[in-house]
Amino acid sequence: MFEHAPDSRQPTADSRQPKPELREPLTTLTLQPGQRLVLDLATMEFCDSSGLTALIAARKHAHAAQADIALAAVPLRTLRVLRVVGLDQIFLLHPDSHSATRS
C-alpha cells in the first residue's frame, strides 16, 4: 500500500481510527501519460467517506495526468462500500497488484 508519515493523533484501541491523511500524498505523485497508479488495498481494515474521497481524488489526479488507476486486493467489506456508492463502476478492480500491473 502507499506509505505515509506517522499520524500525530493519540492511538486508540479502535482499529477503525482514522489513518494519516492519504489524499494529499496521492495527489502529489508525479504520473506520466499512459502510466497506471495501482493502489493495493489488501491491508485496508476500514474505509469511510474520507477514504472514498481520497480514492476519488487519486483517480482525478491520474486522469488529469492522462494516466490510469486501478485498485488491487480490495477487501470484501471495502468492495461492498464501493459497490453501494457505485465506485466499482469507475475503478479498475483486480484481485492483486500483480494482475493490476500486467493488464
C-alpha atoms as a PDB file:
ATOM      1  CA  MET A   1       0.000   0.000   0.000  1.00  0.00           C
ATOM      2  CA  PHE A   2       1.033   3.633  -0.167  1.00  0.00           C
ATOM      3  CA  GLU A   3       3.368   4.642   2.666  1.00  0.00           C
ATOM      4  CA  HIS A   4       2.949   7.912   4.510  1.00  0.00           C
ATOM      5  CA  ALA A   5       4.164   9.836   7.545  1.00  0.00           C
ATOM      6  CA  PRO A   6       3.052   8.733  11.031  1.00  0.00           C
ATOM      7  CA  ASP A   7      -0.090  10.273  12.458  1.00  0.00           C
ATOM      8  CA  SER A   8       0.273  12.705  15.360  1.00  0.00           C
ATOM      9  CA  ARG A   9      -3.083  11.732  16.908  1.00  0.00           C
ATOM     10  CA  GLN A  10      -3.145   9.625  20.050  1.00  0.00           C
ATOM     11  CA  PRO A  11      -3.505   5.907  19.361  1.00  0.00           C
ATOM     12  CA  THR A  12      -6.690   4.204  20.474  1.00  0.00           C
ATOM     13  CA  ALA A  13      -7.872   0.625  20.760  1.00  0.00           C
ATOM     14  CA  ASP A  14     -10.340   1.196  17.924  1.00  0.00           C
ATOM     15  CA  SER A  15      -8.906  -0.350  14.735  1.00  0.00           C
ATOM     16  CA  ARG A  16     -11.216   1.943  12.747  1.00  0.00           C
ATOM     17  CA  GLN A  17      -9.369   5.040  13.997  1.00  0.00           C
ATOM     18  CA  PRO A  18      -8.660   7.313  11.002  1.00  0.00           C
ATOM     19  CA  LYS A  19      -5.282   6.679   9.399  1.00  0.00           C
ATOM     20  CA  PRO A  20      -2.982   9.509   8.347  1.00  0.00           C
ATOM     21  CA  GLU A  21      -4.313  11.626   5.524  1.00  0.00           C
ATOM     22  CA  LEU A  22      -3.758   9.937   2.156  1.00  0.00           C
ATOM     23  CA  ARG A  23      -5.384  12.421  -0.159  1.00  0.00           C
ATOM     24  CA  GLU A  24      -2.523  14.898  -0.361  1.00  0.00           C
ATOM     25  CA  PRO A  25       0.306  12.367  -0.917  1.00  0.00           C
ATOM     26  CA  LEU A  26      -1.691  10.546  -3.586  1.00  0.00           C
ATOM     27  CA  THR A  27      -2.461  13.722  -5.483  1.00  0.00           C
ATOM     28  CA  THR A  28       1.160  14.913  -5.444  1.00  0.00           C
ATOM     29  CA  LEU A  29       2.563  11.800  -7.140  1.00  0.00           C
ATOM     30  CA  THR A  30       4.172  12.541 -10.475  1.00  0.00           C
ATOM     31  CA  LEU A  31       2.445  10.471 -13.121  1.00  0.00           C
ATOM     32  CA  GLN A  32       3.199  10.226 -16.819  1.00  0.00           C
ATOM     33  CA  PRO A  33       0.653   9.713 -19.599  1.00  0.00           C
ATOM     34  CA  GLY A  34      -0.048   6.016 -20.036  1.00  0.00           C
ATOM     35  CA  GLN A  35       1.172   5.017 -16.577  1.00  0.00           C
ATOM     36  CA  ARG A  36      -1.036   3.115 -14.163  1.00  0.00           C
ATOM     37  CA  LEU A  37      -1.253   4.001 -10.486  1.00  0.00           C
ATOM     38  CA  VAL A  38      -2.051   0.801  -8.574  1.00  0.00           C
ATOM     39  CA  LEU A  39      -3.390   1.116  -5.048  1.00  0.00           C
ATOM     40  CA  ASP A  40      -3.047  -2.177  -3.179  1.00  0.00           C
ATOM     41  CA  LEU A  41      -5.760  -2.148  -0.525  1.00  0.00           C
ATOM     42  CA  ALA A  42      -5.029  -5.615   0.912  1.00  0.00           C
ATOM     43  CA  THR A  43      -4.296  -4.284   4.395  1.00  0.00           C
ATOM     44  CA  MET A  44      -7.169  -1.807   4.499  1.00  0.00           C
ATOM     45  CA  GLU A  45      -9.303  -2.518   7.549  1.00  0.00           C
ATOM     46  CA  PHE A  46     -11.895   0.220   7.151  1.00  0.00           C
ATOM     47  CA  CYS A  47     -12.933   2.749   4.523  1.00  0.00           C
ATOM     48  CA  ASP A  48     -15.188   5.669   5.350  1.00  0.00           C
ATOM     49  CA  SER A  49     -16.130   8.772   3.382  1.00  0.00           C
ATOM     50  CA  SER A  50     -12.667  10.295   3.799  1.00  0.00           C
ATOM     51  CA  GLY A  51     -11.116   7.161   2.302  1.00  0.00           C
ATOM     52  CA  LEU A  52     -13.554   7.262  -0.603  1.00  0.00           C
ATOM     53  CA  THR A  53     -12.744  10.939  -1.107  1.00  0.00           C
ATOM     54  CA  ALA A  54      -9.018  10.107  -1.217  1.00  0.00           C
ATOM     55  CA  LEU A  55      -9.636   7.401  -3.833  1.00  0.00           C
ATOM     56  CA  ILE A  56     -11.703   9.784  -5.970  1.00  0.00           C
ATOM     57  CA  ALA A  57      -9.046  12.498  -5.675  1.00  0.00           C
ATOM     58  CA  ALA A  58      -6.362   9.989  -6.722  1.00  0.00           C
ATOM     59  CA  ARG A  59      -8.484   8.997  -9.736  1.00  0.00           C
ATOM     60  CA  LYS A  60      -8.944  12.636 -10.764  1.00  0.00           C
ATOM     61  CA  HIS A  61      -5.203  13.237 -10.373  1.00  0.00           C
ATOM     62  CA  ALA A  62      -4.353  10.189 -12.500  1.00  0.00           C
ATOM     63  CA  HIS A  63      -6.798  11.137 -15.230  1.00  0.00           C
ATOM     64  CA  ALA A  64      -5.531  14.738 -15.280  1.00  0.00           C
ATOM     65  CA  ALA A  65      -2.061  13.307 -15.977  1.00  0.00           C
ATOM     66  CA  GLN A  66      -3.545  11.065 -18.696  1.00  0.00           C
ATOM     67  CA  ALA A  67      -2.662   8.083 -16.522  1.00  0.00           C
ATOM     68  CA  ASP A  68      -4.771   5.208 -15.316  1.00  0.00           C
ATOM     69  CA  ILE A  69      -5.632   3.998 -11.829  1.00  0.00           C
ATOM     70  CA  ALA A  70      -6.509   0.561 -10.518  1.00  0.00           C
ATOM     71  CA  LEU A  71      -7.410  -0.862  -7.127  1.00  0.00           C
ATOM     72  CA  ALA A  72      -5.917  -4.195  -6.152  1.00  0.00           C
ATOM     73  CA  ALA A  73      -6.797  -6.710  -3.443  1.00  0.00           C
ATOM     74  CA  VAL A  74      -9.832  -4.764  -2.287  1.00  0.00           C
ATOM     75  CA  PRO A  75     -11.128  -6.322   0.962  1.00  0.00           C
ATOM     76  CA  LEU A  76     -14.698  -7.618   0.792  1.00  0.00           C
ATOM     77  CA  ARG A  77     -16.008  -5.010   3.264  1.00  0.00           C
ATOM     78  CA  THR A  78     -14.485  -2.178   1.235  1.00  0.00           C
ATOM     79  CA  LEU A  79     -15.702  -3.727  -2.014  1.00  0.00           C
ATOM     80  CA  ARG A  80     -19.237  -3.656  -0.641  1.00  0.00           C
ATOM     81  CA  VAL A  81     -18.893   0.054   0.103  1.00  0.00           C
ATOM     82  CA  LEU A  82     -17.525   0.710  -3.393  1.00  0.00           C
ATOM     83  CA  ARG A  83     -20.485  -1.146  -4.890  1.00  0.00           C
ATOM     84  CA  VAL A  84     -23.076   0.691  -2.790  1.00  0.00           C
ATOM     85  CA  VAL A  85     -21.807   4.095  -3.908  1.00  0.00           C
ATOM     86  CA  GLY A  86     -21.111   2.996  -7.497  1.00  0.00           C
ATOM     87  CA  LEU A  87     -17.332   3.411  -7.406  1.00  0.00           C
ATOM     88  CA  ASP A  88     -16.858  -0.174  -8.582  1.00  0.00           C
ATOM     89  CA  GLN A  89     -18.040   1.170 -11.954  1.00  0.00           C
ATOM     90  CA  ILE A  90     -15.318   3.836 -12.261  1.00  0.00           C
ATOM     91  CA  PHE A  91     -12.266   1.992 -10.857  1.00  0.00           C
ATOM     92  CA  LEU A  92     -10.482  -0.930 -12.447  1.00  0.00           C
ATOM     93  CA  LEU A  93     -10.552  -3.681  -9.814  1.00  0.00           C
ATOM     94  CA  HIS A  94      -8.011  -6.512  -9.671  1.00  0.00           C
ATOM     95  CA  PRO A  95      -7.541  -9.444  -7.291  1.00  0.00           C
ATOM     96  CA  ASP A  96      -3.904  -8.483  -6.597  1.00  0.00           C
ATOM     97  CA  SER A  97      -1.190  -5.977  -7.506  1.00  0.00           C
ATOM     98  CA  HIS A  98       0.476  -8.365  -9.925  1.00  0.00           C
ATOM     99  CA  SER A  99      -2.611  -8.680 -12.107  1.00  0.00           C
ATOM    100  CA  ALA A 100      -3.245  -4.927 -11.856  1.00  0.00           C
ATOM    101  CA  THR A 101       0.192  -4.127 -13.267  1.00  0.00           C
ATOM    102  CA  ARG A 102       0.014  -6.732 -16.053  1.00  0.00           C
ATOM    103  CA  SER A 103      -3.294  -5.762 -17.637  1.00  0.00           C
END
